[in-house]
Amino acid sequence: MRLARSEDIAAIVALTATAYAPYTALLGAPPIPVTEDYAPRIDRGEIWLLEEGTELAGLIVLERHPDHAMIFSVAVAPAFQGRKLGIRLLNFADEKTRQWHLPEVRLYSNSRMERNIALYSTYGYRETGRRPNPYRPGWTVVDMAKPVDKAA
């Protein structure tokens, strides 16, 4: 795992678009991570890249807040899916959250991304609420949280 640099932006955008492509089809529009401007997130040190050899296999966007860490996006390149790299990225988020001495890691997902929500639940996240997506009328956000002191 390494922090993203400005020269990684094209690879980050491409990986995110391909990783979220099935959800773009499901939702009828790209999920928020696909339309995100990643340059400020790189500048803030929020994007970590997972490389396999010389290829970008996955990434995680992790925000540090005063009382929690927030996962904005977890994306694994289609060629690398099925290898538990998503779990590796979630483990990284847990470890970073502990290093930052924060009690929990949070994330949110679209309510129609049921497969992801089930995965997060299996991994120890609990649903903390549902709310309308402020950026996409008609979409519902599922908020989830996981204390980092508990085993997955």
Protein backbone atom coordinates (compact mmCIF):
# COMPACT_ATOMS: atom_id res chain seq x y z
CA MET A 1 0.00 0.00 0.00
CA ARG A 2 1.22 3.45 -0.80
CA LEU A 3 -0.17 6.95 -0.78
CA ALA A 4 -1.34 8.19 -4.16
CA ARG A 5 0.61 10.92 -5.91
CA SER A 6 -0.62 13.52 -8.40
CA GLU A 7 0.71 11.46 -11.32
CA ASP A 8 -1.63 8.61 -10.28
CA ILE A 9 -4.83 10.58 -10.99
CA ALA A 10 -5.57 9.04 -14.41
CA ALA A 11 -5.13 5.52 -13.05
CA ILE A 12 -7.34 6.30 -10.03
CA VAL A 13 -10.12 7.68 -12.24
CA ALA A 14 -9.90 4.72 -14.65
CA LEU A 15 -9.87 2.08 -11.91
CA THR A 16 -12.80 3.71 -10.12
CA ALA A 17 -14.88 3.90 -13.31
CA THR A 18 -14.28 0.23 -14.19
CA ALA A 19 -14.75 -1.04 -10.64
CA TYR A 20 -18.06 0.81 -10.27
CA ALA A 21 -19.31 0.08 -13.82
CA PRO A 22 -21.77 -2.64 -12.71
CA TYR A 23 -23.31 -0.16 -10.26
CA THR A 24 -23.52 2.55 -12.90
CA ALA A 25 -25.65 0.11 -14.90
CA LEU A 26 -27.72 -0.87 -11.83
CA LEU A 27 -28.36 2.69 -10.69
CA GLY A 28 -28.78 4.26 -14.12
CA ALA A 29 -26.11 6.85 -13.29
CA PRO A 30 -22.56 6.71 -12.00
CA PRO A 31 -22.14 6.38 -8.22
CA ILE A 32 -20.62 9.41 -6.49
CA PRO A 33 -17.04 7.98 -6.43
CA VAL A 34 -17.05 7.81 -10.24
CA THR A 35 -17.71 11.55 -10.56
CA GLU A 36 -15.40 12.64 -7.71
CA ASP A 37 -12.53 15.09 -8.26
CA TYR A 38 -9.64 13.11 -6.77
CA ALA A 39 -6.94 15.79 -7.01
CA PRO A 40 -7.84 17.44 -3.66
CA ARG A 41 -8.04 14.00 -2.03
CA ILE A 42 -4.54 13.18 -3.26
CA ASP A 43 -3.32 16.52 -1.88
CA ARG A 44 -4.89 15.70 1.51
CA GLY A 45 -3.30 12.22 1.59
CA GLU A 46 -6.63 10.35 1.56
CA ILE A 47 -5.98 7.83 -1.23
CA TRP A 48 -3.96 4.65 -0.80
CA LEU A 49 -3.13 2.39 -3.72
CA LEU A 50 -2.79 -1.38 -3.67
CA GLU A 51 -0.44 -2.57 -6.38
CA GLU A 52 0.20 -6.09 -7.60
CA GLY A 53 3.53 -6.01 -9.39
CA THR A 54 3.40 -2.94 -11.60
CA GLU A 55 -0.41 -2.88 -11.88
CA LEU A 56 -2.89 -0.89 -9.85
CA ALA A 57 -5.13 -3.58 -8.34
CA GLY A 58 -7.22 -1.52 -5.94
CA LEU A 59 -7.54 1.61 -3.90
CA ILE A 60 -9.16 2.99 -0.81
CA VAL A 61 -10.14 6.57 -0.08
CA LEU A 62 -10.03 7.11 3.68
CA GLU A 63 -10.85 10.39 5.42
CA ARG A 64 -9.62 11.20 8.92
CA HIS A 65 -12.20 12.94 11.12
CA PRO A 66 -11.88 13.97 14.80
CA ASP A 67 -13.93 11.01 16.10
CA HIS A 68 -13.81 8.43 13.27
CA ALA A 69 -12.32 7.44 9.94
CA MET A 70 -14.63 7.49 6.91
CA ILE A 71 -14.24 5.23 3.91
CA PHE A 72 -15.33 7.21 0.87
CA SER A 73 -14.51 4.51 -1.66
CA VAL A 74 -13.13 1.00 -1.95
CA ALA A 75 -12.41 -0.09 -5.52
CA VAL A 76 -10.77 -3.21 -6.94
CA ALA A 77 -9.91 -3.47 -10.62
CA PRO A 78 -12.10 -6.09 -12.36
CA ALA A 79 -9.03 -8.17 -13.31
CA PHE A 80 -8.17 -8.49 -9.60
CA GLN A 81 -11.66 -9.09 -8.18
CA GLY A 82 -12.31 -12.37 -6.38
CA ARG A 83 -8.90 -12.35 -4.67
CA LYS A 84 -10.05 -10.84 -1.35
CA LEU A 85 -8.32 -7.54 -2.12
CA GLY A 86 -11.43 -5.65 -0.97
CA ILE A 87 -11.04 -7.29 2.44
CA ARG A 88 -7.36 -6.36 2.42
CA LEU A 89 -8.34 -2.74 1.78
CA LEU A 90 -10.92 -2.83 4.59
CA ASN A 91 -8.26 -4.30 6.92
CA PHE A 92 -6.00 -1.42 5.95
CA ALA A 93 -8.76 1.03 6.92
CA ASP A 94 -9.11 -0.68 10.31
CA GLU A 95 -5.37 -0.48 10.91
CA LYS A 96 -5.15 3.19 9.87
CA THR A 97 -8.08 3.99 12.15
CA ARG A 98 -6.28 2.33 15.06
CA GLN A 99 -3.04 4.20 14.21
CA TRP A 100 -5.00 7.43 14.30
CA HIS A 101 -6.36 6.43 17.75
CA LEU A 102 -9.94 6.66 16.53
CA PRO A 103 -12.67 4.33 17.84
CA GLU A 104 -14.48 3.45 14.64
CA VAL A 105 -14.47 3.40 10.88
CA ARG A 106 -17.59 4.45 9.00
CA LEU A 107 -18.78 4.14 5.44
CA TYR A 108 -21.91 4.62 3.43
CA SER A 109 -23.34 2.88 0.41
CA ASN A 110 -26.28 3.16 -1.92
CA SER A 111 -29.20 1.08 -0.65
CA ARG A 112 -29.38 -0.71 -4.00
CA MET A 113 -25.78 -1.96 -3.64
CA GLU A 114 -27.06 -4.91 -1.62
CA ARG A 115 -24.03 -7.13 -2.30
CA ASN A 116 -21.68 -4.53 -0.83
CA ILE A 117 -23.91 -3.94 2.18
CA ALA A 118 -23.99 -7.70 2.85
CA LEU A 119 -20.19 -7.87 2.58
CA TYR A 120 -19.76 -4.97 5.00
CA SER A 121 -22.19 -6.60 7.45
CA THR A 122 -20.26 -9.87 7.28
CA TYR A 123 -17.08 -7.93 7.94
CA GLY A 124 -18.46 -6.43 11.16
CA TYR A 125 -20.16 -3.22 10.07
CA ARG A 126 -23.59 -2.45 11.45
CA GLU A 127 -26.18 -0.29 9.78
CA THR A 128 -26.61 2.97 11.69
CA GLY A 129 -29.27 4.58 9.54
CA ARG A 130 -30.68 5.39 6.13
CA ARG A 131 -31.14 8.82 4.59
CA PRO A 132 -31.87 10.44 1.27
CA ASN A 133 -28.75 11.05 -0.81
CA PRO A 134 -28.29 14.84 -0.78
CA TYR A 135 -26.67 14.79 -4.24
CA ARG A 136 -28.91 12.31 -6.05
CA PRO A 137 -32.67 12.72 -5.57
CA GLY A 138 -34.41 9.37 -5.20
CA TRP A 139 -31.30 7.53 -4.00
CA THR A 140 -31.01 6.27 -0.43
CA VAL A 141 -27.75 6.18 1.51
CA VAL A 142 -27.09 3.38 4.02
CA ASP A 143 -24.74 4.52 6.79
CA MET A 144 -22.62 1.85 8.48
CA ALA A 145 -20.00 1.79 11.25
CA LYS A 146 -17.56 -0.66 12.79
CA PRO A 147 -15.59 -0.31 16.02
CA VAL A 148 -11.96 -1.06 15.26
CA ASP A 149 -11.20 -2.80 18.52
CA LYS A 150 -13.36 -5.77 17.49
CA ALA A 151 -12.16 -8.63 15.30
CA ALA A 152 -13.67 -8.98 11.87
